[in-house]
Amino acid sequence: MLFVPLIFLVISLLTNRWGFFLWSLAPSFTVGMTGFFVAKDK
């Protein structure tokens, strides 16, 4: 859940285009929370 945004954060810092980082937050949060709830239920 934190690894993918960190990759995009590095890309954004290197290119100075923050759209990469901002657009990666919502999908990674959604996938991370889905995985968390599935693992919690089992």
PDB file of N, CA and C in Angstrom:
ATOM      1  N   MET A   1       0.819  -1.190   0.000  1.00  0.00           N
ATOM      2  CA  MET A   1       0.000   0.000   0.000  1.00  0.00           C
ATOM      3  C   MET A   1       0.866   1.258   0.000  1.00  0.00           C
ATOM      4  N   LEU A   2       2.071   1.143   0.503  1.00  0.00           N
ATOM      5  CA  LEU A   2       2.951   2.309   0.540  1.00  0.00           C
ATOM      6  C   LEU A   2       4.036   2.280  -0.533  1.00  0.00           C
ATOM      7  N   PHE A   3       4.320   1.099  -1.066  1.00  0.00           N
ATOM      8  CA  PHE A   3       5.441   0.972  -2.001  1.00  0.00           C
ATOM      9  C   PHE A   3       5.176   1.683  -3.325  1.00  0.00           C
ATOM     10  N   VAL A   4       3.995   1.502  -3.883  1.00  0.00           N
ATOM     11  CA  VAL A   4       3.676   2.108  -5.186  1.00  0.00           C
ATOM     12  C   VAL A   4       3.675   3.634  -5.109  1.00  0.00           C
ATOM     13  N   PRO A   5       3.023   4.250  -4.113  1.00  0.00           N
ATOM     14  CA  PRO A   5       3.121   5.716  -4.037  1.00  0.00           C
ATOM     15  C   PRO A   5       4.547   6.227  -3.834  1.00  0.00           C
ATOM     16  N   LEU A   6       5.387   5.448  -3.163  1.00  0.00           N
ATOM     17  CA  LEU A   6       6.777   5.879  -2.988  1.00  0.00           C
ATOM     18  C   LEU A   6       7.524   5.901  -4.321  1.00  0.00           C
ATOM     19  N   ILE A   7       7.240   4.920  -5.176  1.00  0.00           N
ATOM     20  CA  ILE A   7       7.851   4.921  -6.508  1.00  0.00           C
ATOM     21  C   ILE A   7       7.412   6.160  -7.278  1.00  0.00           C
ATOM     22  N   PHE A   8       6.117   6.448  -7.249  1.00  0.00           N
ATOM     23  CA  PHE A   8       5.622   7.618  -7.956  1.00  0.00           C
ATOM     24  C   PHE A   8       6.094   8.912  -7.315  1.00  0.00           C
ATOM     25  N   LEU A   9       6.328   8.914  -6.015  1.00  0.00           N
ATOM     26  CA  LEU A   9       6.885  10.093  -5.356  1.00  0.00           C
ATOM     27  C   LEU A   9       8.293  10.378  -5.862  1.00  0.00           C
ATOM     28  N   VAL A  10       9.089   9.332  -6.017  1.00  0.00           N
ATOM     29  CA  VAL A  10      10.445   9.508  -6.545  1.00  0.00           C
ATOM     30  C   VAL A  10      10.385  10.030  -7.975  1.00  0.00           C
ATOM     31  N   ILE A  11       9.493   9.456  -8.788  1.00  0.00           N
ATOM     32  CA  ILE A  11       9.344   9.927 -10.169  1.00  0.00           C
ATOM     33  C   ILE A  11       8.926  11.398 -10.182  1.00  0.00           C
ATOM     34  N   SER A  12       7.990  11.746  -9.308  1.00  0.00           N
ATOM     35  CA  SER A  12       7.523  13.135  -9.256  1.00  0.00           C
ATOM     36  C   SER A  12       8.625  14.082  -8.798  1.00  0.00           C
ATOM     37  N   LEU A  13       9.431  13.652  -7.858  1.00  0.00           N
ATOM     38  CA  LEU A  13      10.537  14.504  -7.408  1.00  0.00           C
ATOM     39  C   LEU A  13      11.576  14.699  -8.509  1.00  0.00           C
ATOM     40  N   LEU A  14      11.821  13.648  -9.290  1.00  0.00           N
ATOM     41  CA  LEU A  14      12.820  13.749 -10.346  1.00  0.00           C
ATOM     42  C   LEU A  14      12.326  14.570 -11.536  1.00  0.00           C
ATOM     43  N   THR A  15      11.044  14.434 -11.865  1.00  0.00           N
ATOM     44  CA  THR A  15      10.519  15.120 -13.044  1.00  0.00           C
ATOM     45  C   THR A  15       9.827  16.433 -12.713  1.00  0.00           C
ATOM     46  N   ASN A  16       9.528  16.663 -11.437  1.00  0.00           N
ATOM     47  CA  ASN A  16       8.807  17.849 -10.975  1.00  0.00           C
ATOM     48  C   ASN A  16       7.400  17.940 -11.575  1.00  0.00           C
ATOM     49  N   ARG A  17       6.806  16.774 -11.847  1.00  0.00           N
ATOM     50  CA  ARG A  17       5.421  16.700 -12.320  1.00  0.00           C
ATOM     51  C   ARG A  17       4.641  15.909 -11.271  1.00  0.00           C
ATOM     52  N   TRP A  18       3.890  16.608 -10.451  1.00  0.00           N
ATOM     53  CA  TRP A  18       3.251  15.998  -9.295  1.00  0.00           C
ATOM     54  C   TRP A  18       2.000  15.216  -9.645  1.00  0.00           C
ATOM     55  N   GLY A  19       1.561  15.269 -10.887  1.00  0.00           N
ATOM     56  CA  GLY A  19       0.409  14.486 -11.305  1.00  0.00           C
ATOM     57  C   GLY A  19       0.643  12.993 -11.169  1.00  0.00           C
ATOM     58  N   PHE A  20       1.887  12.547 -11.399  1.00  0.00           N
ATOM     59  CA  PHE A  20       2.207  11.131 -11.238  1.00  0.00           C
ATOM     60  C   PHE A  20       1.892  10.669  -9.824  1.00  0.00           C
ATOM     61  N   PHE A  21       2.347  11.418  -8.861  1.00  0.00           N
ATOM     62  CA  PHE A  21       2.148  11.031  -7.462  1.00  0.00           C
ATOM     63  C   PHE A  21       0.690  11.149  -7.047  1.00  0.00           C
ATOM     64  N   LEU A  22       0.048  12.244  -7.406  1.00  0.00           N
ATOM     65  CA  LEU A  22      -1.332  12.466  -6.969  1.00  0.00           C
ATOM     66  C   LEU A  22      -2.297  11.444  -7.565  1.00  0.00           C
ATOM     67  N   TRP A  23      -2.081  11.056  -8.822  1.00  0.00           N
ATOM     68  CA  TRP A  23      -2.956  10.066  -9.450  1.00  0.00           C
ATOM     69  C   TRP A  23      -2.684   8.656  -8.943  1.00  0.00           C
ATOM     70  N   SER A  24      -1.573   8.406  -8.286  1.00  0.00           N
ATOM     71  CA  SER A  24      -1.286   7.067  -7.772  1.00  0.00           C
ATOM     72  C   SER A  24      -1.861   6.850  -6.374  1.00  0.00           C
ATOM     73  N   LEU A  25      -2.244   7.906  -5.686  1.00  0.00           N
ATOM     74  CA  LEU A  25      -2.706   7.754  -4.305  1.00  0.00           C
ATOM     75  C   LEU A  25      -4.039   7.007  -4.193  1.00  0.00           C
ATOM     76  N   ALA A  26      -5.033   7.418  -4.946  1.00  0.00           N
ATOM     77  CA  ALA A  26      -6.361   6.808  -4.831  1.00  0.00           C
ATOM     78  C   ALA A  26      -6.364   5.325  -5.210  1.00  0.00           C
ATOM     79  N   PRO A  27      -5.776   4.910  -6.346  1.00  0.00           N
ATOM     80  CA  PRO A  27      -5.792   3.479  -6.669  1.00  0.00           C
ATOM     81  C   PRO A  27      -5.015   2.627  -5.660  1.00  0.00           C
ATOM     82  N   SER A  28      -3.875   3.108  -5.203  1.00  0.00           N
ATOM     83  CA  SER A  28      -3.106   2.298  -4.260  1.00  0.00           C
ATOM     84  C   SER A  28      -3.819   2.212  -2.917  1.00  0.00           C
ATOM     85  N   PHE A  29      -4.489   3.266  -2.501  1.00  0.00           N
ATOM     86  CA  PHE A  29      -5.253   3.220  -1.261  1.00  0.00           C
ATOM     87  C   PHE A  29      -6.427   2.245  -1.391  1.00  0.00           C
ATOM     88  N   THR A  30      -7.121   2.275  -2.525  1.00  0.00           N
ATOM     89  CA  THR A  30      -8.254   1.384  -2.747  1.00  0.00           C
ATOM     90  C   THR A  30      -7.812  -0.080  -2.736  1.00  0.00           C
ATOM     91  N   VAL A  31      -6.744  -0.386  -3.454  1.00  0.00           N
ATOM     92  CA  VAL A  31      -6.251  -1.762  -3.501  1.00  0.00           C
ATOM     93  C   VAL A  31      -5.732  -2.195  -2.135  1.00  0.00           C
ATOM     94  N   GLY A  32      -5.037  -1.317  -1.459  1.00  0.00           N
ATOM     95  CA  GLY A  32      -4.509  -1.656  -0.140  1.00  0.00           C
ATOM     96  C   GLY A  32      -5.600  -1.921   0.879  1.00  0.00           C
ATOM     97  N   MET A  33      -6.630  -1.113   0.889  1.00  0.00           N
ATOM     98  CA  MET A  33      -7.717  -1.319   1.848  1.00  0.00           C
ATOM     99  C   MET A  33      -8.521  -2.570   1.508  1.00  0.00           C
ATOM    100  N   THR A  34      -8.720  -2.847   0.214  1.00  0.00           N
ATOM    101  CA  THR A  34      -9.411  -4.074  -0.177  1.00  0.00           C
ATOM    102  C   THR A  34      -8.633  -5.295   0.289  1.00  0.00           C
ATOM    103  N   GLY A  35      -7.329  -5.289   0.063  1.00  0.00           N
ATOM    104  CA  GLY A  35      -6.492  -6.397   0.528  1.00  0.00           C
ATOM    105  C   GLY A  35      -6.487  -6.521   2.037  1.00  0.00           C
ATOM    106  N   PHE A  36      -6.493  -5.410   2.731  1.00  0.00           N
ATOM    107  CA  PHE A  36      -6.513  -5.428   4.189  1.00  0.00           C
ATOM    108  C   PHE A  36      -7.797  -6.065   4.715  1.00  0.00           C
ATOM    109  N   PHE A  37      -8.950  -5.671   4.151  1.00  0.00           N
ATOM    110  CA  PHE A  37     -10.218  -6.207   4.633  1.00  0.00           C
ATOM    111  C   PHE A  37     -10.381  -7.678   4.275  1.00  0.00           C
ATOM    112  N   VAL A  38      -9.891  -8.096   3.130  1.00  0.00           N
ATOM    113  CA  VAL A  38      -9.955  -9.515   2.768  1.00  0.00           C
ATOM    114  C   VAL A  38      -9.082 -10.335   3.717  1.00  0.00           C
ATOM    115  N   ALA A  39      -7.886  -9.846   4.010  1.00  0.00           N
ATOM    116  CA  ALA A  39      -6.986 -10.566   4.920  1.00  0.00           C
ATOM    117  C   ALA A  39      -7.544 -10.573   6.332  1.00  0.00           C
ATOM    118  N   LYS A  40      -8.220  -9.500   6.740  1.00  0.00           N
ATOM    119  CA  LYS A  40      -8.773  -9.411   8.083  1.00  0.00           C
ATOM    120  C   LYS A  40      -9.931 -10.395   8.269  1.00  0.00           C
ATOM    121  N   ASP A  41     -10.718 -10.597   7.214  1.00  0.00           N
ATOM    122  CA  ASP A  41     -11.849 -11.504   7.309  1.00  0.00           C
ATOM    123  C   ASP A  41     -11.437 -12.961   7.355  1.00  0.00           C
ATOM    124  N   LYS A  42     -10.275 -13.287   6.828  1.00  0.00           N
ATOM    125  CA  LYS A  42      -9.821 -14.690   6.827  1.00  0.00           C
ATOM    126  C   LYS A  42      -8.999 -14.960   7.999  1.00  0.00           C
TER     127      LYS A  42
END
